[in-house]
């Protein structure tokens, strides 16, 4: 996998998280999708795992599989028209943040 492909995967994951975050807070989102998002968030933030993390490979593998699969399930439960609106909203919210980051870091570090 090249660096460009890895960067594209990371940006795709960020975009999905943004869409899911907006969808979970919108009243038009079906209840089933909102429940799946809540369960995935609770599992990701919970210190209790299905397989403990001390188990060498399987402990981390359940986190790496269940969270993305749960997010994909939630996205599939959202109607296409709503998902397109959430995607557009997530892109417009993310763009100003990217532009403000260099300004913030230069003012924080004393460089202008």
PDB file of N, CA and C in Angstrom:
ATOM      1  N   UNK A   1       0.856  -1.177   0.000  1.00  0.00           N
ATOM      2  CA  UNK A   1       0.000   0.000   0.000  1.00  0.00           C
ATOM      3  C   UNK A   1       0.900   1.237   0.000  1.00  0.00           C
ATOM      4  N   UNK A   2       0.607   2.142  -0.892  1.00  0.00           N
ATOM      5  CA  UNK A   2       1.400   3.363  -0.980  1.00  0.00           C
ATOM      6  C   UNK A   2       0.929   4.374   0.066  1.00  0.00           C
ATOM      7  N   UNK A   3       1.738   5.410   0.266  1.00  0.00           N
ATOM      8  CA  UNK A   3       1.375   6.453   1.226  1.00  0.00           C
ATOM      9  C   UNK A   3       0.094   7.164   0.809  1.00  0.00           C
ATOM     10  N   UNK A   4      -0.064   7.368  -0.477  1.00  0.00           N
ATOM     11  CA  UNK A   4      -1.256   8.058  -0.982  1.00  0.00           C
ATOM     12  C   UNK A   4      -2.514   7.237  -0.717  1.00  0.00           C
ATOM     13  N   UNK A   5      -2.428   5.912  -0.891  1.00  0.00           N
ATOM     14  CA  UNK A   5      -3.579   5.049  -0.618  1.00  0.00           C
ATOM     15  C   UNK A   5      -3.913   5.056   0.866  1.00  0.00           C
ATOM     16  N   UNK A   6      -2.886   5.006   1.705  1.00  0.00           N
ATOM     17  CA  UNK A   6      -3.115   5.038   3.147  1.00  0.00           C
ATOM     18  C   UNK A   6      -3.741   6.359   3.569  1.00  0.00           C
ATOM     19  N   UNK A   7      -3.293   7.448   2.973  1.00  0.00           N
ATOM     20  CA  UNK A   7      -3.869   8.753   3.287  1.00  0.00           C
ATOM     21  C   UNK A   7      -5.329   8.813   2.848  1.00  0.00           C
ATOM     22  N   UNK A   8      -5.635   8.227   1.699  1.00  0.00           N
ATOM     23  CA  UNK A   8      -7.012   8.192   1.220  1.00  0.00           C
ATOM     24  C   UNK A   8      -7.913   7.380   2.142  1.00  0.00           C
ATOM     25  N   UNK A   9      -7.392   6.275   2.681  1.00  0.00           N
ATOM     26  CA  UNK A   9      -8.176   5.477   3.623  1.00  0.00           C
ATOM     27  C   UNK A   9      -8.443   6.264   4.894  1.00  0.00           C
ATOM     28  N   UNK A  10      -7.458   6.989   5.374  1.00  0.00           N
ATOM     29  CA  UNK A  10      -7.642   7.788   6.583  1.00  0.00           C
ATOM     30  C   UNK A  10      -8.657   8.893   6.380  1.00  0.00           C
ATOM     31  N   UNK A  11      -8.602   9.559   5.229  1.00  0.00           N
ATOM     32  CA  UNK A  11      -9.566  10.620   4.947  1.00  0.00           C
ATOM     33  C   UNK A  11     -10.964  10.048   4.781  1.00  0.00           C
ATOM     34  N   UNK A  12     -11.073   8.858   4.209  1.00  0.00           N
ATOM     35  CA  UNK A  12     -12.380   8.216   4.062  1.00  0.00           C
ATOM     36  C   UNK A  12     -12.987   7.880   5.417  1.00  0.00           C
ATOM     37  N   UNK A  13     -12.149   7.427   6.339  1.00  0.00           N
ATOM     38  CA  UNK A  13     -12.636   7.118   7.685  1.00  0.00           C
ATOM     39  C   UNK A  13     -13.085   8.383   8.400  1.00  0.00           C
ATOM     40  N   UNK A  14     -12.348   9.479   8.227  1.00  0.00           N
ATOM     41  CA  UNK A  14     -12.745  10.746   8.841  1.00  0.00           C
ATOM     42  C   UNK A  14     -14.074  11.226   8.273  1.00  0.00           C
ATOM     43  N   UNK A  15     -14.249  11.084   6.986  1.00  0.00           N
ATOM     44  CA  UNK A  15     -15.500  11.520   6.363  1.00  0.00           C
ATOM     45  C   UNK A  15     -16.673  10.698   6.880  1.00  0.00           C
ATOM     46  N   UNK A  16     -16.471   9.360   7.029  1.00  0.00           N
ATOM     47  CA  UNK A  16     -17.545   8.514   7.557  1.00  0.00           C
ATOM     48  C   UNK A  16     -17.894   8.889   8.987  1.00  0.00           C
ATOM     49  N   UNK A  17     -16.873   9.157   9.800  1.00  0.00           N
ATOM     50  CA  UNK A  17     -17.146   9.549  11.184  1.00  0.00           C
ATOM     51  C   UNK A  17     -17.930  10.848  11.224  1.00  0.00           C
ATOM     52  N   UNK A  18     -17.589  11.795  10.366  1.00  0.00           N
ATOM     53  CA  UNK A  18     -18.317  13.059  10.332  1.00  0.00           C
ATOM     54  C   UNK A  18     -19.766  12.871   9.946  1.00  0.00           C
ATOM     55  N   UNK A  19     -19.998  12.048   8.937  1.00  0.00           N
ATOM     56  CA  UNK A  19     -21.374  11.780   8.503  1.00  0.00           C
ATOM     57  C   UNK A  19     -22.166  11.090   9.597  1.00  0.00           C
ATOM     58  N   UNK A  20     -21.549  10.116  10.241  1.00  0.00           N
ATOM     59  CA  UNK A  20     -22.251   9.367  11.284  1.00  0.00           C
ATOM     60  C   UNK A  20     -22.538  10.270  12.477  1.00  0.00           C
ATOM     61  N   UNK A  21     -21.609  11.139  12.822  1.00  0.00           N
ATOM     62  CA  UNK A  21     -21.818  12.062  13.942  1.00  0.00           C
ATOM     63  C   UNK A  21     -23.001  12.984  13.660  1.00  0.00           C
ATOM     64  N   UNK A  22     -23.059  13.528  12.468  1.00  0.00           N
ATOM     65  CA  UNK A  22     -24.165  14.410  12.103  1.00  0.00           C
ATOM     66  C   UNK A  22     -25.466  13.616  12.043  1.00  0.00           C
ATOM     67  N   UNK A  23     -25.415  12.407  11.489  1.00  0.00           N
ATOM     68  CA  UNK A  23     -26.627  11.586  11.371  1.00  0.00           C
ATOM     69  C   UNK A  23     -27.180  11.201  12.734  1.00  0.00           C
ATOM     70  N   UNK A  24     -26.308  10.912  13.685  1.00  0.00           N
ATOM     71  CA  UNK A  24     -26.772  10.493  15.008  1.00  0.00           C
ATOM     72  C   UNK A  24     -27.494  11.620  15.734  1.00  0.00           C
ATOM     73  N   UNK A  25     -27.193  12.842  15.379  1.00  0.00           N
ATOM     74  CA  UNK A  25     -27.797  13.985  16.060  1.00  0.00           C
ATOM     75  C   UNK A  25     -29.014  14.527  15.322  1.00  0.00           C
ATOM     76  N   UNK A  26     -29.310  14.020  14.139  1.00  0.00           N
ATOM     77  CA  UNK A  26     -30.425  14.514  13.342  1.00  0.00           C
ATOM     78  C   UNK A  26     -31.676  13.684  13.632  1.00  0.00           C
ATOM     79  N   UNK A  27     -32.803  14.350  13.802  1.00  0.00           N
ATOM     80  CA  UNK A  27     -34.063  13.663  14.137  1.00  0.00           C
ATOM     81  C   UNK A  27     -34.614  12.837  12.973  1.00  0.00           C
ATOM     82  N   UNK A  28     -34.224  13.144  11.749  1.00  0.00           N
ATOM     83  CA  UNK A  28     -34.745  12.410  10.595  1.00  0.00           C
ATOM     84  C   UNK A  28     -34.080  11.050  10.414  1.00  0.00           C
ATOM     85  N   UNK A  29     -32.980  10.825  11.098  1.00  0.00           N
ATOM     86  CA  UNK A  29     -32.274   9.542  11.003  1.00  0.00           C
ATOM     87  C   UNK A  29     -33.121   8.452  11.655  1.00  0.00           C
ATOM     88  N   UNK A  30     -33.244   7.292  11.010  1.00  0.00           N
ATOM     89  CA  UNK A  30     -34.032   6.203  11.600  1.00  0.00           C
ATOM     90  C   UNK A  30     -33.491   5.800  12.975  1.00  0.00           C
ATOM     91  N   UNK A  31     -34.409   5.392  13.829  1.00  0.00           N
ATOM     92  CA  UNK A  31     -34.045   5.013  15.193  1.00  0.00           C
ATOM     93  C   UNK A  31     -33.048   3.859  15.204  1.00  0.00           C
ATOM     94  N   UNK A  32     -33.192   2.919  14.284  1.00  0.00           N
ATOM     95  CA  UNK A  32     -32.272   1.773  14.251  1.00  0.00           C
ATOM     96  C   UNK A  32     -30.836   2.227  14.009  1.00  0.00           C
ATOM     97  N   UNK A  33     -30.629   3.186  13.112  1.00  0.00           N
ATOM     98  CA  UNK A  33     -29.279   3.695  12.851  1.00  0.00           C
ATOM     99  C   UNK A  33     -28.735   4.439  14.064  1.00  0.00           C
ATOM    100  N   UNK A  34     -29.587   5.192  14.733  1.00  0.00           N
ATOM    101  CA  UNK A  34     -29.147   5.928  15.924  1.00  0.00           C
ATOM    102  C   UNK A  34     -28.764   4.972  17.047  1.00  0.00           C
ATOM    103  N   UNK A  35     -29.493   3.874  17.180  1.00  0.00           N
ATOM    104  CA  UNK A  35     -29.168   2.881  18.206  1.00  0.00           C
ATOM    105  C   UNK A  35     -27.837   2.210  17.896  1.00  0.00           C
ATOM    106  N   UNK A  36     -27.603   1.868  16.627  1.00  0.00           N
ATOM    107  CA  UNK A  36     -26.337   1.244  16.238  1.00  0.00           C
ATOM    108  C   UNK A  36     -25.178   2.194  16.521  1.00  0.00           C
ATOM    109  N   UNK A  37     -25.328   3.468  16.191  1.00  0.00           N
ATOM    110  CA  UNK A  37     -24.274   4.450  16.457  1.00  0.00           C
ATOM    111  C   UNK A  37     -24.006   4.551  17.956  1.00  0.00           C
ATOM    112  N   UNK A  38     -25.055   4.570  18.763  1.00  0.00           N
ATOM    113  CA  UNK A  38     -24.882   4.652  20.219  1.00  0.00           C
ATOM    114  C   UNK A  38     -24.168   3.415  20.752  1.00  0.00           C
ATOM    115  N   UNK A  39     -24.525   2.236  20.252  1.00  0.00           N
ATOM    116  CA  UNK A  39     -23.875   1.012  20.700  1.00  0.00           C
ATOM    117  C   UNK A  39     -22.406   0.967  20.295  1.00  0.00           C
ATOM    118  N   UNK A  40     -22.113   1.399  19.076  1.00  0.00           N
ATOM    119  CA  UNK A  40     -20.714   1.417  18.615  1.00  0.00           C
ATOM    120  C   UNK A  40     -19.893   2.402  19.447  1.00  0.00           C
ATOM    121  N   UNK A  41     -20.452   3.575  19.713  1.00  0.00           N
ATOM    122  CA  UNK A  41     -19.736   4.555  20.530  1.00  0.00           C
ATOM    123  C   UNK A  41     -19.529   4.034  21.943  1.00  0.00           C
ATOM    124  N   UNK A  42     -20.544   3.400  22.507  1.00  0.00           N
ATOM    125  CA  UNK A  42     -20.412   2.848  23.861  1.00  0.00           C
ATOM    126  C   UNK A  42     -19.354   1.751  23.893  1.00  0.00           C
ATOM    127  N   UNK A  43     -19.320   0.903  22.870  1.00  0.00           N
ATOM    128  CA  UNK A  43     -18.325  -0.169  22.824  1.00  0.00           C
ATOM    129  C   UNK A  43     -16.921   0.409  22.660  1.00  0.00           C
ATOM    130  N   UNK A  44     -16.776   1.415  21.796  1.00  0.00           N
ATOM    131  CA  UNK A  44     -15.455   1.993  21.552  1.00  0.00           C
ATOM    132  C   UNK A  44     -14.911   2.695  22.788  1.00  0.00           C
ATOM    133  N   UNK A  45     -15.782   3.317  23.572  1.00  0.00           N
ATOM    134  CA  UNK A  45     -15.336   4.065  24.744  1.00  0.00           C
ATOM    135  C   UNK A  45     -15.321   3.236  26.016  1.00  0.00           C
ATOM    136  N   UNK A  46     -15.931   2.072  25.985  1.00  0.00           N
ATOM    137  CA  UNK A  46     -16.034   1.240  27.173  1.00  0.00           C
ATOM    138  C   UNK A  46     -14.713   0.533  27.462  1.00  0.00           C
ATOM    139  N   UNK A  47     -14.343   0.413  28.725  1.00  0.00           N
ATOM    140  CA  UNK A  47     -13.135  -0.348  29.061  1.00  0.00           C
ATOM    141  C   UNK A  47     -13.359  -1.860  28.984  1.00  0.00           C
ATOM    142  N   UNK A  48     -14.604  -2.286  28.826  1.00  0.00           N
ATOM    143  CA  UNK A  48     -14.926  -3.712  28.750  1.00  0.00           C
ATOM    144  C   UNK A  48     -14.969  -4.121  27.282  1.00  0.00           C
ATOM    145  N   UNK A  49     -14.188  -5.137  26.921  1.00  0.00           N
ATOM    146  CA  UNK A  49     -14.132  -5.646  25.555  1.00  0.00           C
ATOM    147  C   UNK A  49     -14.693  -7.058  25.504  1.00  0.00           C
ATOM    148  N   UNK A  50     -15.094  -7.474  24.310  1.00  0.00           N
ATOM    149  CA  UNK A  50     -15.512  -8.861  24.137  1.00  0.00           C
ATOM    150  C   UNK A  50     -14.337  -9.800  24.366  1.00  0.00           C
ATOM    151  N   UNK A  51     -13.185  -9.435  23.812  1.00  0.00           N
ATOM    152  CA  UNK A  51     -11.951 -10.182  24.014  1.00  0.00           C
ATOM    153  C   UNK A  51     -10.968  -9.209  24.668  1.00  0.00           C
ATOM    154  N   UNK A  52     -10.425  -9.531  25.838  1.00  0.00           N
ATOM    155  CA  UNK A  52      -9.526  -8.591  26.516  1.00  0.00           C
ATOM    156  C   UNK A  52      -8.321  -8.213  25.654  1.00  0.00           C
ATOM    157  N   UNK A  53      -7.870  -6.976  25.796  1.00  0.00           N
ATOM    158  CA  UNK A  53      -6.751  -6.484  24.991  1.00  0.00           C
ATOM    159  C   UNK A  53      -5.432  -7.154  25.341  1.00  0.00           C
ATOM    160  N   UNK A  54      -5.346  -7.817  26.469  1.00  0.00           N
ATOM    161  CA  UNK A  54      -4.099  -8.493  26.827  1.00  0.00           C
ATOM    162  C   UNK A  54      -3.878  -9.747  25.994  1.00  0.00           C
ATOM    163  N   UNK A  55      -4.919 -10.266  25.362  1.00  0.00           N
ATOM    164  CA  UNK A  55      -4.751 -11.384  24.438  1.00  0.00           C
ATOM    165  C   UNK A  55      -4.002 -10.853  23.223  1.00  0.00           C
ATOM    166  N   UNK A  56      -2.848 -11.449  22.873  1.00  0.00           N
ATOM    167  CA  UNK A  56      -1.922 -10.825  21.927  1.00  0.00           C
ATOM    168  C   UNK A  56      -2.511 -10.227  20.648  1.00  0.00           C
ATOM    169  N   UNK A  57      -3.176 -10.982  19.829  1.00  0.00           N
ATOM    170  CA  UNK A  57      -3.654 -10.451  18.555  1.00  0.00           C
ATOM    171  C   UNK A  57      -5.157 -10.220  18.568  1.00  0.00           C
ATOM    172  N   UNK A  58      -5.885 -11.144  19.114  1.00  0.00           N
ATOM    173  CA  UNK A  58      -7.341 -11.082  19.075  1.00  0.00           C
ATOM    174  C   UNK A  58      -7.914  -9.928  19.892  1.00  0.00           C
ATOM    175  N   UNK A  59      -7.214  -9.514  20.937  1.00  0.00           N
ATOM    176  CA  UNK A  59      -7.706  -8.436  21.787  1.00  0.00           C
ATOM    177  C   UNK A  59      -7.852  -7.122  21.051  1.00  0.00           C
ATOM    178  N   UNK A  60      -6.900  -6.827  20.187  1.00  0.00           N
ATOM    179  CA  UNK A  60      -6.990  -5.592  19.404  1.00  0.00           C
ATOM    180  C   UNK A  60      -7.792  -5.793  18.127  1.00  0.00           C
ATOM    181  N   UNK A  61      -7.812  -7.018  17.649  1.00  0.00           N
ATOM    182  CA  UNK A  61      -8.518  -7.300  16.404  1.00  0.00           C
ATOM    183  C   UNK A  61     -10.019  -7.073  16.534  1.00  0.00           C
ATOM    184  N   UNK A  62     -10.588  -7.371  17.703  1.00  0.00           N
ATOM    185  CA  UNK A  62     -12.027  -7.146  17.852  1.00  0.00           C
ATOM    186  C   UNK A  62     -12.356  -5.663  17.790  1.00  0.00           C
ATOM    187  N   UNK A  63     -11.499  -4.809  18.342  1.00  0.00           N
ATOM    188  CA  UNK A  63     -11.725  -3.360  18.232  1.00  0.00           C
ATOM    189  C   UNK A  63     -11.564  -2.879  16.799  1.00  0.00           C
ATOM    190  N   UNK A  64     -10.581  -3.410  16.106  1.00  0.00           N
ATOM    191  CA  UNK A  64     -10.326  -2.983  14.724  1.00  0.00           C
ATOM    192  C   UNK A  64     -11.404  -3.453  13.755  1.00  0.00           C
ATOM    193  N   UNK A  65     -12.137  -4.485  14.124  1.00  0.00           N
ATOM    194  CA  UNK A  65     -13.187  -4.992  13.239  1.00  0.00           C
ATOM    195  C   UNK A  65     -14.578  -4.503  13.627  1.00  0.00           C
ATOM    196  N   UNK A  66     -14.908  -4.553  14.905  1.00  0.00           N
ATOM    197  CA  UNK A  66     -16.279  -4.253  15.322  1.00  0.00           C
ATOM    198  C   UNK A  66     -16.656  -2.785  15.155  1.00  0.00           C
ATOM    199  N   UNK A  67     -15.746  -1.876  15.460  1.00  0.00           N
ATOM    200  CA  UNK A  67     -16.081  -0.453  15.357  1.00  0.00           C
ATOM    201  C   UNK A  67     -16.319  -0.034  13.900  1.00  0.00           C
ATOM    202  N   UNK A  68     -15.398  -0.327  12.965  1.00  0.00           N
ATOM    203  CA  UNK A  68     -15.684   0.051  11.567  1.00  0.00           C
ATOM    204  C   UNK A  68     -16.900  -0.669  10.982  1.00  0.00           C
ATOM    205  N   UNK A  69     -17.074  -1.938  11.328  1.00  0.00           N
ATOM    206  CA  UNK A  69     -18.244  -2.651  10.811  1.00  0.00           C
ATOM    207  C   UNK A  69     -19.539  -2.076  11.371  1.00  0.00           C
ATOM    208  N   UNK A  70     -19.513  -1.667  12.628  1.00  0.00           N
ATOM    209  CA  UNK A  70     -20.692  -1.029  13.210  1.00  0.00           C
ATOM    210  C   UNK A  70     -21.010   0.288  12.539  1.00  0.00           C
ATOM    211  N   UNK A  71     -19.963   1.068  12.227  1.00  0.00           N
ATOM    212  CA  UNK A  71     -20.184   2.336  11.527  1.00  0.00           C
ATOM    213  C   UNK A  71     -20.732   2.104  10.126  1.00  0.00           C
ATOM    214  N   UNK A  72     -20.209   1.084   9.442  1.00  0.00           N
ATOM    215  CA  UNK A  72     -20.726   0.777   8.107  1.00  0.00           C
ATOM    216  C   UNK A  72     -22.186   0.316   8.172  1.00  0.00           C
ATOM    217  N   UNK A  73     -22.535  -0.455   9.197  1.00  0.00           N
ATOM    218  CA  UNK A  73     -23.930  -0.878   9.364  1.00  0.00           C
ATOM    219  C   UNK A  73     -24.830   0.332   9.594  1.00  0.00           C
ATOM    220  N   UNK A  74     -24.383   1.254  10.424  1.00  0.00           N
ATOM    221  CA  UNK A  74     -25.179   2.460  10.681  1.00  0.00           C
ATOM    222  C   UNK A  74     -25.366   3.266   9.398  1.00  0.00           C
ATOM    223  N   UNK A  75     -24.325   3.370   8.599  1.00  0.00           N
ATOM    224  CA  UNK A  75     -24.418   4.116   7.339  1.00  0.00           C
ATOM    225  C   UNK A  75     -25.405   3.437   6.394  1.00  0.00           C
ATOM    226  N   UNK A  76     -25.410   2.114   6.369  1.00  0.00           N
ATOM    227  CA  UNK A  76     -26.347   1.387   5.503  1.00  0.00           C
ATOM    228  C   UNK A  76     -27.799   1.544   5.950  1.00  0.00           C
ATOM    229  N   UNK A  77     -28.013   1.800   7.216  1.00  0.00           N
ATOM    230  CA  UNK A  77     -29.371   1.956   7.726  1.00  0.00           C
ATOM    231  C   UNK A  77     -29.949   3.351   7.468  1.00  0.00           C
ATOM    232  N   UNK A  78     -29.108   4.286   7.039  1.00  0.00           N
ATOM    233  CA  UNK A  78     -29.548   5.659   6.778  1.00  0.00           C
ATOM    234  C   UNK A  78     -29.968   5.761   5.311  1.00  0.00           C
ATOM    235  N   UNK A  79     -31.139   6.329   5.019  1.00  0.00           N
ATOM    236  CA  UNK A  79     -31.568   6.488   3.619  1.00  0.00           C
ATOM    237  C   UNK A  79     -30.561   7.309   2.800  1.00  0.00           C
ATOM    238  N   UNK A  80     -30.478   6.993   1.526  1.00  0.00           N
ATOM    239  CA  UNK A  80     -29.490   7.617   0.647  1.00  0.00           C
ATOM    240  C   UNK A  80     -29.578   9.128   0.559  1.00  0.00           C
ATOM    241  N   UNK A  81     -30.788   9.663   0.492  1.00  0.00           N
ATOM    242  CA  UNK A  81     -30.948  11.117   0.383  1.00  0.00           C
ATOM    243  C   UNK A  81     -30.437  11.813   1.641  1.00  0.00           C
ATOM    244  N   UNK A  82     -30.751  11.252   2.786  1.00  0.00           N
ATOM    245  CA  UNK A  82     -30.256  11.834   4.039  1.00  0.00           C
ATOM    246  C   UNK A  82     -28.745  11.723   4.118  1.00  0.00           C
ATOM    247  N   UNK A  83     -28.212  10.581   3.707  1.00  0.00           N
ATOM    248  CA  UNK A  83     -26.769  10.372   3.766  1.00  0.00           C
ATOM    249  C   UNK A  83     -26.031  11.365   2.871  1.00  0.00           C
ATOM    250  N   UNK A  84     -26.595  11.654   1.706  1.00  0.00           N
ATOM    251  CA  UNK A  84     -25.979  12.639   0.817  1.00  0.00           C
ATOM    252  C   UNK A  84     -25.970  14.025   1.470  1.00  0.00           C
ATOM    253  N   UNK A  85     -27.050  14.371   2.137  1.00  0.00           N
ATOM    254  CA  UNK A  85     -27.106  15.664   2.832  1.00  0.00           C
ATOM    255  C   UNK A  85     -26.084  15.714   3.971  1.00  0.00           C
ATOM    256  N   UNK A  86     -25.976  14.619   4.717  1.00  0.00           N
ATOM    257  CA  UNK A  86     -25.027  14.579   5.824  1.00  0.00           C
ATOM    258  C   UNK A  86     -23.594  14.636   5.314  1.00  0.00           C
ATOM    259  N   UNK A  87     -23.339  13.984   4.168  1.00  0.00           N
ATOM    260  CA  UNK A  87     -22.004  14.015   3.570  1.00  0.00           C
ATOM    261  C   UNK A  87     -21.639  15.442   3.183  1.00  0.00           C
ATOM    262  N   UNK A  88     -22.584  16.145   2.557  1.00  0.00           N
ATOM    263  CA  UNK A  88     -22.334  17.534   2.161  1.00  0.00           C
ATOM    264  C   UNK A  88     -22.095  18.405   3.393  1.00  0.00           C
ATOM    265  N   UNK A  89     -22.909  18.219   4.420  1.00  0.00           N
ATOM    266  CA  UNK A  89     -22.768  19.011   5.635  1.00  0.00           C
ATOM    267  C   UNK A  89     -21.424  18.725   6.325  1.00  0.00           C
ATOM    268  N   UNK A  90     -21.006  17.454   6.344  1.00  0.00           N
ATOM    269  CA  UNK A  90     -19.732  17.090   6.967  1.00  0.00           C
ATOM    270  C   UNK A  90     -18.558  17.701   6.206  1.00  0.00           C
ATOM    271  N   UNK A  91     -18.652  17.750   4.876  1.00  0.00           N
ATOM    272  CA  UNK A  91     -17.576  18.348   4.081  1.00  0.00           C
ATOM    273  C   UNK A  91     -17.490  19.851   4.301  1.00  0.00           C
ATOM    274  N   UNK A  92     -18.624  20.527   4.405  1.00  0.00           N
ATOM    275  CA  UNK A  92     -18.591  21.973   4.601  1.00  0.00           C
ATOM    276  C   UNK A  92     -18.131  22.336   6.003  1.00  0.00           C
ATOM    277  N   UNK A  93     -18.404  21.479   6.982  1.00  0.00           N
ATOM    278  CA  UNK A  93     -17.939  21.749   8.345  1.00  0.00           C
ATOM    279  C   UNK A  93     -16.441  21.492   8.453  1.00  0.00           C
ATOM    280  N   UNK A  94     -15.931  20.476   7.754  1.00  0.00           N
ATOM    281  CA  UNK A  94     -14.523  20.103   7.869  1.00  0.00           C
ATOM    282  C   UNK A  94     -13.594  21.071   7.144  1.00  0.00           C
ATOM    283  N   UNK A  95     -14.037  21.725   6.098  1.00  0.00           N
ATOM    284  CA  UNK A  95     -13.156  22.592   5.313  1.00  0.00           C
ATOM    285  C   UNK A  95     -12.631  23.792   6.087  1.00  0.00           C
ATOM    286  N   UNK A  96     -13.448  24.553   6.808  1.00  0.00           N
ATOM    287  CA  UNK A  96     -12.887  25.682   7.544  1.00  0.00           C
ATOM    288  C   UNK A  96     -11.909  25.250   8.629  1.00  0.00           C
ATOM    289  N   UNK A  97     -12.126  24.095   9.222  1.00  0.00           N
ATOM    290  CA  UNK A  97     -11.239  23.610  10.268  1.00  0.00           C
ATOM    291  C   UNK A  97      -9.851  23.353   9.713  1.00  0.00           C
ATOM    292  N   UNK A  98      -9.757  22.810   8.509  1.00  0.00           N
ATOM    293  CA  UNK A  98      -8.451  22.546   7.900  1.00  0.00           C
ATOM    294  C   UNK A  98      -7.719  23.845   7.609  1.00  0.00           C
ATOM    295  N   UNK A  99      -8.435  24.854   7.192  1.00  0.00           N
ATOM    296  CA  UNK A  99      -7.799  26.126   6.860  1.00  0.00           C
ATOM    297  C   UNK A  99      -7.341  26.862   8.111  1.00  0.00           C
ATOM    298  N   UNK A 100      -8.029  26.681   9.230  1.00  0.00           N
ATOM    299  CA  UNK A 100      -7.687  27.395  10.451  1.00  0.00           C
ATOM    300  C   UNK A 100      -6.533  26.748  11.200  1.00  0.00           C
ATOM    301  N   UNK A 101      -6.244  25.491  10.954  1.00  0.00           N
ATOM    302  CA  UNK A 101      -5.210  24.789  11.714  1.00  0.00           C
ATOM    303  C   UNK A 101      -3.824  25.416  11.558  1.00  0.00           C
ATOM    304  N   UNK A 102      -3.348  25.753  10.349  1.00  0.00           N
ATOM    305  CA  UNK A 102      -2.019  26.357  10.261  1.00  0.00           C
ATOM    306  C   UNK A 102      -1.953  27.722  10.954  1.00  0.00           C
ATOM    307  N   UNK A 103      -3.018  28.487  10.889  1.00  0.00           N
ATOM    308  CA  UNK A 103      -3.036  29.783  11.543  1.00  0.00           C
ATOM    309  C   UNK A 103      -2.927  29.617  13.051  1.00  0.00           C
ATOM    310  N   UNK A 104      -3.662  28.662  13.600  1.00  0.00           N
ATOM    311  CA  UNK A 104      -3.629  28.421  15.030  1.00  0.00           C
ATOM    312  C   UNK A 104      -2.252  27.941  15.466  1.00  0.00           C
ATOM    313  N   UNK A 105      -1.661  27.004  14.718  1.00  0.00           N
ATOM    314  CA  UNK A 105      -0.369  26.460  15.121  1.00  0.00           C
ATOM    315  C   UNK A 105       0.723  27.515  15.026  1.00  0.00           C
ATOM    316  N   UNK A 106       0.653  28.405  14.034  1.00  0.00           N
ATOM    317  CA  UNK A 106       1.695  29.431  13.925  1.00  0.00           C
ATOM    318  C   UNK A 106       1.544  30.477  15.024  1.00  0.00           C
ATOM    319  N   UNK A 107       0.319  30.801  15.415  1.00  0.00           N
ATOM    320  CA  UNK A 107       0.150  31.771  16.492  1.00  0.00           C
ATOM    321  C   UNK A 107       0.495  31.157  17.836  1.00  0.00           C
ATOM    322  N   UNK A 108       0.274  29.864  17.977  1.00  0.00           N
ATOM    323  CA  UNK A 108       0.587  29.168  19.220  1.00  0.00           C
ATOM    324  C   UNK A 108       2.095  29.045  19.408  1.00  0.00           C
ATOM    325  N   UNK A 109       2.799  28.818  18.337  1.00  0.00           N
ATOM    326  CA  UNK A 109       4.247  28.595  18.425  1.00  0.00           C
ATOM    327  C   UNK A 109       5.041  29.893  18.313  1.00  0.00           C
ATOM    328  N   UNK A 110       4.392  31.005  18.104  1.00  0.00           N
ATOM    329  CA  UNK A 110       5.083  32.287  18.045  1.00  0.00           C
ATOM    330  C   UNK A 110       5.579  32.671  16.677  1.00  0.00           C
ATOM    331  N   UNK A 111       5.267  31.892  15.663  1.00  0.00           N
ATOM    332  CA  UNK A 111       5.689  32.215  14.298  1.00  0.00           C
ATOM    333  C   UNK A 111       4.529  32.831  13.543  1.00  0.00           C
ATOM    334  N   UNK A 112       4.812  33.776  12.722  1.00  0.00           N
ATOM    335  CA  UNK A 112       3.755  34.387  11.901  1.00  0.00           C
ATOM    336  C   UNK A 112       4.194  34.544  10.489  1.00  0.00           C
TER     337      UNK A 112
END
